[in-house]
PDB file of N, CA and C in Angstrom:
ATOM      1  N   ARG A   1       0.878  -1.364  -0.172  1.00  0.00           N
ATOM      2  CA  ARG A   1       0.076  -0.228  -0.014  1.00  0.00           C
ATOM      3  C   ARG A   1       0.901   0.983   0.181  1.00  0.00           C
ATOM      4  N   GLN A   2       0.864   2.431  -1.011  1.00  0.00           N
ATOM      5  CA  GLN A   2       1.327   3.410  -0.885  1.00  0.00           C
ATOM      6  C   GLN A   2       0.630   4.167  -0.114  1.00  0.00           C
ATOM      7  N   LEU A   3       1.680   5.215   0.009  1.00  0.00           N
ATOM      8  CA  LEU A   3       1.367   6.301   1.372  1.00  0.00           C
ATOM      9  C   LEU A   3       0.982   7.734   0.450  1.00  0.00           C
ATOM     10  N   GLY A   4       0.032   8.601   0.635  1.00  0.00           N
ATOM     11  CA  GLY A   4      -0.141   9.796  -0.143  1.00  0.00           C
ATOM     12  C   GLY A   4       0.936  10.562   0.677  1.00  0.00           C
ATOM     13  N   VAL A   5       1.064  12.186  -0.129  1.00  0.00           N
ATOM     14  CA  VAL A   5       1.730  13.060   0.306  1.00  0.00           C
ATOM     15  C   VAL A   5       1.614  13.275   1.643  1.00  0.00           C
ATOM     16  N   GLY A   6       0.239  13.908   1.916  1.00  0.00           N
ATOM     17  CA  GLY A   6      -0.251  14.204   3.189  1.00  0.00           C
ATOM     18  C   GLY A   6      -0.539  13.248   4.100  1.00  0.00           C
ATOM     19  N   GLN A   7      -0.262  11.862   4.074  1.00  0.00           N
ATOM     20  CA  GLN A   7       0.080  10.682   5.005  1.00  0.00           C
ATOM     21  C   GLN A   7       1.163  10.748   5.329  1.00  0.00           C
ATOM     22  N   VAL A   8       2.711  10.475   4.338  1.00  0.00           N
ATOM     23  CA  VAL A   8       4.317  10.727   4.803  1.00  0.00           C
ATOM     24  C   VAL A   8       4.085  12.395   6.010  1.00  0.00           C
ATOM     25  N   LEU A   9       3.584  13.272   5.212  1.00  0.00           N
ATOM     26  CA  LEU A   9       3.871  14.816   5.843  1.00  0.00           C
ATOM     27  C   LEU A   9       3.010  14.567   7.390  1.00  0.00           C
ATOM     28  N   GLN A  10       1.761  13.705   7.647  1.00  0.00           N
ATOM     29  CA  GLN A  10       1.268  13.729   8.741  1.00  0.00           C
ATOM     30  C   GLN A  10       2.116  12.504   9.793  1.00  0.00           C
ATOM     31  N   GLN A  11       3.096  11.867   9.231  1.00  0.00           N
ATOM     32  CA  GLN A  11       3.837  10.749   9.947  1.00  0.00           C
ATOM     33  C   GLN A  11       4.872  11.517  10.285  1.00  0.00           C
ATOM     34  N   SER A  12       5.781  12.160   9.620  1.00  0.00           N
ATOM     35  CA  SER A  12       6.743  13.104   9.403  1.00  0.00           C
ATOM     36  C   SER A  12       6.688  14.115  11.084  1.00  0.00           C
ATOM     37  N   ILE A  13       5.147  15.007  10.567  1.00  0.00           N
ATOM     38  CA  ILE A  13       4.803  15.701  12.069  1.00  0.00           C
ATOM     39  C   ILE A  13       4.685  15.078  12.991  1.00  0.00           C
ATOM     40  N   ASN A  14       4.121  13.761  13.338  1.00  0.00           N
ATOM     41  CA  ASN A  14       3.719  12.984  14.561  1.00  0.00           C
ATOM     42  C   ASN A  14       5.513  12.358  15.175  1.00  0.00           C
ATOM     43  N   ARG A  15       5.893  12.555  14.353  1.00  0.00           N
ATOM     44  CA  ARG A  15       7.819  11.825  14.576  1.00  0.00           C
ATOM     45  C   ARG A  15       8.178  12.868  15.334  1.00  0.00           C
ATOM     46  N   VAL A  16       8.478  14.250  14.803  1.00  0.00           N
ATOM     47  CA  VAL A  16       8.516  15.504  15.412  1.00  0.00           C
ATOM     48  C   VAL A  16       8.077  15.770  16.807  1.00  0.00           C
ATOM     49  N   ASN A  17       6.646  15.667  16.684  1.00  0.00           N
ATOM     50  CA  ASN A  17       5.860  15.958  18.062  1.00  0.00           C
ATOM     51  C   ASN A  17       6.389  14.877  19.262  1.00  0.00           C
ATOM     52  N   GLU A  18       6.503  13.485  18.556  1.00  0.00           N
ATOM     53  CA  GLU A  18       7.226  12.786  19.582  1.00  0.00           C
ATOM     54  C   GLU A  18       8.810  13.017  20.342  1.00  0.00           C
ATOM     55  N   GLN A  19       9.560  13.329  19.237  1.00  0.00           N
ATOM     56  CA  GLN A  19      10.611  13.902  20.113  1.00  0.00           C
ATOM     57  C   GLN A  19      10.507  15.150  20.689  1.00  0.00           C
ATOM     58  N   GLN A  20       9.792  16.152  20.181  1.00  0.00           N
ATOM     59  CA  GLN A  20       9.995  17.151  21.042  1.00  0.00           C
ATOM     60  C   GLN A  20       9.573  16.640  22.251  1.00  0.00           C
ATOM     61  N   SER A  21       8.071  15.757  22.848  1.00  0.00           N
ATOM     62  CA  SER A  21       7.889  15.345  23.621  1.00  0.00           C
ATOM     63  C   SER A  21       8.985  14.901  24.445  1.00  0.00           C
ATOM     64  N   VAL A  22       9.266  14.041  23.909  1.00  0.00           N
ATOM     65  CA  VAL A  22      11.083  13.236  24.609  1.00  0.00           C
ATOM     66  C   VAL A  22      11.781  14.399  25.127  1.00  0.00           C
ATOM     67  N   ALA A  23      12.211  15.378  24.438  1.00  0.00           N
ATOM     68  CA  ALA A  23      12.813  16.305  24.687  1.00  0.00           C
ATOM     69  C   ALA A  23      12.505  16.986  25.942  1.00  0.00           C
ATOM     70  N   THR A  24      11.297  17.227  25.602  1.00  0.00           N
ATOM     71  CA  THR A  24      10.851  18.042  26.983  1.00  0.00           C
ATOM     72  C   THR A  24      10.558  17.487  28.424  1.00  0.00           C
ATOM     73  N   SER A  25       9.842  16.242  27.818  1.00  0.00           N
ATOM     74  CA  SER A  25      10.013  15.282  29.108  1.00  0.00           C
ATOM     75  C   SER A  25      11.506  15.198  30.088  1.00  0.00           C
ATOM     76  N   MET A  26      12.572  14.847  28.961  1.00  0.00           N
ATOM     77  CA  MET A  26      13.607  14.739  29.689  1.00  0.00           C
ATOM     78  C   MET A  26      13.894  16.115  30.556  1.00  0.00           C
ATOM     79  N   MET A  27      13.971  17.189  29.921  1.00  0.00           N
ATOM     80  CA  MET A  27      14.431  18.476  30.179  1.00  0.00           C
ATOM     81  C   MET A  27      13.910  18.684  31.940  1.00  0.00           C
ATOM     82  N   THR A  28      12.094  18.418  31.999  1.00  0.00           N
ATOM     83  CA  THR A  28      11.806  18.326  33.332  1.00  0.00           C
ATOM     84  C   THR A  28      12.387  17.313  34.652  1.00  0.00           C
ATOM     85  N   VAL A  29      12.429  16.193  33.762  1.00  0.00           N
ATOM     86  CA  VAL A  29      13.076  15.049  34.592  1.00  0.00           C
ATOM     87  C   VAL A  29      14.612  15.796  35.249  1.00  0.00           C
ATOM     88  N   PHE A  30      15.232  16.076  34.520  1.00  0.00           N
ATOM     89  CA  PHE A  30      16.486  16.551  34.819  1.00  0.00           C
ATOM     90  C   PHE A  30      15.992  18.206  35.564  1.00  0.00           C
ATOM     91  N   GLN A  31      15.260  19.039  35.352  1.00  0.00           N
ATOM     92  CA  GLN A  31      15.357  19.753  36.260  1.00  0.00           C
ATOM     93  C   GLN A  31      14.942  19.752  38.020  1.00  0.00           C
ATOM     94  N   ASN A  32      14.234  18.501  37.806  1.00  0.00           N
ATOM     95  CA  ASN A  32      13.658  17.987  38.944  1.00  0.00           C
ATOM     96  C   ASN A  32      14.459  17.511  39.906  1.00  0.00           C
ATOM     97  N   GLY A  33      15.770  17.349  39.190  1.00  0.00           N
ATOM     98  CA  GLY A  33      16.926  16.717  40.121  1.00  0.00           C
ATOM     99  C   GLY A  33      17.241  15.015  39.904  1.00  0.00           C
ATOM    100  N   ASN A  34      16.738  14.637  38.688  1.00  0.00           N
ATOM    101  CA  ASN A  34      16.975  13.029  38.730  1.00  0.00           C
ATOM    102  C   ASN A  34      18.282  13.070  38.142  1.00  0.00           C
ATOM    103  N   ALA A  35      19.118  12.442  39.120  1.00  0.00           N
ATOM    104  CA  ALA A  35      20.278  12.306  38.659  1.00  0.00           C
ATOM    105  C   ALA A  35      21.056  11.055  37.527  1.00  0.00           C
ATOM    106  N   GLU A  36      19.771  10.723  37.528  1.00  0.00           N
ATOM    107  CA  GLU A  36      19.977   9.156  35.960  1.00  0.00           C
ATOM    108  C   GLU A  36      20.006   9.977  34.584  1.00  0.00           C
ATOM    109  N   THR A  37      19.511  11.311  34.797  1.00  0.00           N
ATOM    110  CA  THR A  37      19.241  12.241  33.390  1.00  0.00           C
ATOM    111  C   THR A  37      20.925  13.273  33.479  1.00  0.00           C
ATOM    112  N   SER A  38      21.469  13.347  32.668  1.00  0.00           N
ATOM    113  CA  SER A  38      22.358  13.682  32.299  1.00  0.00           C
ATOM    114  C   SER A  38      22.064  15.077  31.298  1.00  0.00           C
ATOM    115  N   VAL A  39      22.872  16.221  32.084  1.00  0.00           N
ATOM    116  CA  VAL A  39      22.892  17.521  30.718  1.00  0.00           C
ATOM    117  C   VAL A  39      22.977  17.302  29.755  1.00  0.00           C
ATOM    118  N   ALA A  40      23.713  16.412  29.142  1.00  0.00           N
ATOM    119  CA  ALA A  40      24.198  15.830  27.966  1.00  0.00           C
ATOM    120  C   ALA A  40      23.302  15.703  26.996  1.00  0.00           C
ATOM    121  N   GLU A  41      22.437  14.118  27.935  1.00  0.00           N
ATOM    122  CA  GLU A  41      21.605  13.374  27.589  1.00  0.00           C
ATOM    123  C   GLU A  41      20.452  14.640  27.159  1.00  0.00           C
ATOM    124  N   VAL A  42      20.057  15.061  27.891  1.00  0.00           N
ATOM    125  CA  VAL A  42      19.164  16.276  27.739  1.00  0.00           C
ATOM    126  C   VAL A  42      19.140  17.176  26.390  1.00  0.00           C
ATOM    127  N   MET A  43      20.577  17.783  26.389  1.00  0.00           N
ATOM    128  CA  MET A  43      21.157  18.290  25.380  1.00  0.00           C
ATOM    129  C   MET A  43      20.936  17.638  23.840  1.00  0.00           C
ATOM    130  N   VAL A  44      21.185  16.856  23.914  1.00  0.00           N
ATOM    131  CA  VAL A  44      21.243  15.807  22.763  1.00  0.00           C
ATOM    132  C   VAL A  44      19.453  15.434  22.518  1.00  0.00           C
ATOM    133  N   SER A  45      19.177  15.191  23.350  1.00  0.00           N
ATOM    134  CA  SER A  45      17.462  15.099  23.071  1.00  0.00           C
ATOM    135  C   SER A  45      16.846  16.524  22.288  1.00  0.00           C
ATOM    136  N   MET A  46      17.584  17.516  22.953  1.00  0.00           N
ATOM    137  CA  MET A  46      16.826  18.892  22.653  1.00  0.00           C
ATOM    138  C   MET A  46      17.272  19.262  21.054  1.00  0.00           C
ATOM    139  N   GLN A  47      18.745  18.716  20.823  1.00  0.00           N
ATOM    140  CA  GLN A  47      18.780  19.122  19.675  1.00  0.00           C
ATOM    141  C   GLN A  47      18.404  18.004  18.485  1.00  0.00           C
ATOM    142  N   LYS A  48      18.141  16.474  18.877  1.00  0.00           N
ATOM    143  CA  LYS A  48      17.475  16.001  17.578  1.00  0.00           C
ATOM    144  C   LYS A  48      16.160  16.311  17.633  1.00  0.00           C
ATOM    145  N   ALA A  49      15.435  16.913  18.510  1.00  0.00           N
ATOM    146  CA  ALA A  49      13.975  17.296  18.259  1.00  0.00           C
ATOM    147  C   ALA A  49      14.046  18.967  17.612  1.00  0.00           C
ATOM    148  N   SER A  50      15.048  19.359  17.373  1.00  0.00           N
ATOM    149  CA  SER A  50      15.305  20.744  16.764  1.00  0.00           C
ATOM    150  C   SER A  50      15.562  20.483  15.842  1.00  0.00           C
ATOM    151  N   LEU A  51      16.264  19.772  15.343  1.00  0.00           N
ATOM    152  CA  LEU A  51      16.797  19.256  13.989  1.00  0.00           C
ATOM    153  C   LEU A  51      15.911  18.449  12.951  1.00  0.00           C
ATOM    154  N   SER A  52      15.274  17.589  13.597  1.00  0.00           N
ATOM    155  CA  SER A  52      13.758  17.007  13.079  1.00  0.00           C
ATOM    156  C   SER A  52      12.539  17.805  12.533  1.00  0.00           C
ATOM    157  N   PHE A  53      12.654  19.379  13.412  1.00  0.00           N
ATOM    158  CA  PHE A  53      11.590  19.863  12.896  1.00  0.00           C
ATOM    159  C   PHE A  53      11.992  20.739  11.760  1.00  0.00           C
ATOM    160  N   THR A  54      13.815  20.808  11.681  1.00  0.00           N
ATOM    161  CA  THR A  54      14.025  21.820  10.850  1.00  0.00           C
ATOM    162  C   THR A  54      14.127  20.713   9.550  1.00  0.00           C
ATOM    163  N   ALA A  55      13.965  19.841   9.487  1.00  0.00           N
ATOM    164  CA  ALA A  55      13.612  18.616   8.146  1.00  0.00           C
ATOM    165  C   ALA A  55      12.939  18.504   7.785  1.00  0.00           C
ATOM    166  N   MET A  56      11.900  18.742   8.842  1.00  0.00           N
ATOM    167  CA  MET A  56      10.410  18.752   8.262  1.00  0.00           C
ATOM    168  C   MET A  56       9.803  19.791   7.557  1.00  0.00           C
ATOM    169  N   THR A  57      10.530  20.846   8.271  1.00  0.00           N
ATOM    170  CA  THR A  57      10.040  22.392   7.945  1.00  0.00           C
ATOM    171  C   THR A  57      10.361  22.321   6.154  1.00  0.00           C
ATOM    172  N   GLN A  58      11.868  22.036   5.795  1.00  0.00           N
ATOM    173  CA  GLN A  58      12.308  21.540   4.741  1.00  0.00           C
ATOM    174  C   GLN A  58      11.613  20.988   3.833  1.00  0.00           C
ATOM    175  N   VAL A  59      11.393  19.675   4.229  1.00  0.00           N
ATOM    176  CA  VAL A  59      10.800  18.836   3.311  1.00  0.00           C
ATOM    177  C   VAL A  59       9.404  19.307   2.886  1.00  0.00           C
ATOM    178  N   ARG A  60       8.480  20.258   4.043  1.00  0.00           N
ATOM    179  CA  ARG A  60       7.158  20.886   3.432  1.00  0.00           C
ATOM    180  C   ARG A  60       7.246  21.743   2.812  1.00  0.00           C
ATOM    181  N   ASN A  61       8.450  22.822   2.808  1.00  0.00           N
ATOM    182  CA  ASN A  61       8.811  24.082   1.947  1.00  0.00           C
ATOM    183  C   ASN A  61       9.039  23.084   0.333  1.00  0.00           C
ATOM    184  N   LYS A  62       9.318  22.052   0.222  1.00  0.00           N
ATOM    185  CA  LYS A  62       9.784  21.636  -1.130  1.00  0.00           C
ATOM    186  C   LYS A  62       8.470  21.107  -1.716  1.00  0.00           C
ATOM    187  N   LEU A  63       7.407  20.292  -0.729  1.00  0.00           N
ATOM    188  CA  LEU A  63       6.697  19.654  -1.197  1.00  0.00           C
ATOM    189  C   LEU A  63       5.591  21.082  -1.646  1.00  0.00           C
ATOM    190  N   VAL A  64       5.375  21.978  -0.863  1.00  0.00           N
ATOM    191  CA  VAL A  64       4.634  22.938  -1.647  1.00  0.00           C
ATOM    192  C   VAL A  64       5.518  23.508  -2.755  1.00  0.00           C
ATOM    193  N   ASP A  65       6.476  24.312  -2.688  1.00  0.00           N
ATOM    194  CA  ASP A  65       7.248  24.432  -3.913  1.00  0.00           C
ATOM    195  C   ASP A  65       6.640  23.329  -5.186  1.00  0.00           C
ATOM    196  N   ALA A  66       6.863  22.234  -4.702  1.00  0.00           N
ATOM    197  CA  ALA A  66       6.656  21.040  -5.961  1.00  0.00           C
ATOM    198  C   ALA A  66       5.251  21.052  -6.522  1.00  0.00           C
ATOM    199  N   TYR A  67       4.312  21.680  -5.476  1.00  0.00           N
ATOM    200  CA  TYR A  67       2.698  21.486  -5.752  1.00  0.00           C
ATOM    201  C   TYR A  67       2.526  22.978  -6.497  1.00  0.00           C
ATOM    202  N   GLN A  68       3.020  23.970  -6.256  1.00  0.00           N
ATOM    203  CA  GLN A  68       2.923  25.276  -6.877  1.00  0.00           C
ATOM    204  C   GLN A  68       2.899  25.305  -8.131  1.00  0.00           C
ATOM    205  N   GLU A  69       4.437  24.636  -8.360  1.00  0.00           N
ATOM    206  CA  GLU A  69       5.161  24.202  -9.864  1.00  0.00           C
ATOM    207  C   GLU A  69       3.864  23.488 -10.606  1.00  0.00           C
ATOM    208  N   ILE A  70       3.407  22.363  -9.875  1.00  0.00           N
ATOM    209  CA  ILE A  70       2.768  21.383 -10.735  1.00  0.00           C
ATOM    210  C   ILE A  70       1.426  22.282 -11.412  1.00  0.00           C
ATOM    211  N   MET A  71       0.930  22.958 -10.510  1.00  0.00           N
ATOM    212  CA  MET A  71      -0.440  23.657 -10.308  1.00  0.00           C
ATOM    213  C   MET A  71      -0.449  24.593 -11.419  1.00  0.00           C
ATOM    214  N   ASN A  72       0.895  25.328 -11.847  1.00  0.00           N
ATOM    215  CA  ASN A  72       1.010  26.228 -12.619  1.00  0.00           C
ATOM    216  C   ASN A  72       1.850  26.051 -13.948  1.00  0.00           C
ATOM    217  N   MET A  73       1.889  24.456 -14.404  1.00  0.00           N
ATOM    218  CA  MET A  73       1.970  23.957 -15.533  1.00  0.00           C
ATOM    219  C   MET A  73       0.799  24.098 -16.135  1.00  0.00           C
ATOM    220  N   PRO A  74       0.927  24.706 -17.701  1.00  0.00           N
ATOM    221  CA  PRO A  74       0.338  24.535 -18.903  1.00  0.00           C
ATOM    222  C   PRO A  74      -0.563  23.252 -18.968  1.00  0.00           C
ATOM    223  N   ILE A  75      -2.116  23.109 -19.443  1.00  0.00           N
ATOM    224  CA  ILE A  75      -2.355  21.676 -19.717  1.00  0.00           C
ATOM    225  C   ILE A  75      -2.658  21.241 -21.132  1.00  0.00           C
TER     226      ILE A  75
END
């Protein structure tokens, strides 16, 4: 079964949301003084969330550009 562009984008958004939730959760645990969570782990998690958001945004922009180009093609 093939996924449509909308489904792929939705899955990407869900993954980014999940990574941001994990980063926020780790940050909260660290701020509450949990000795098992290091500042390095929190920073890596936050960077992963930031990079995945940036990548998803760039993919979305490329999809919008491609859609606009297709819509402007003469029939």
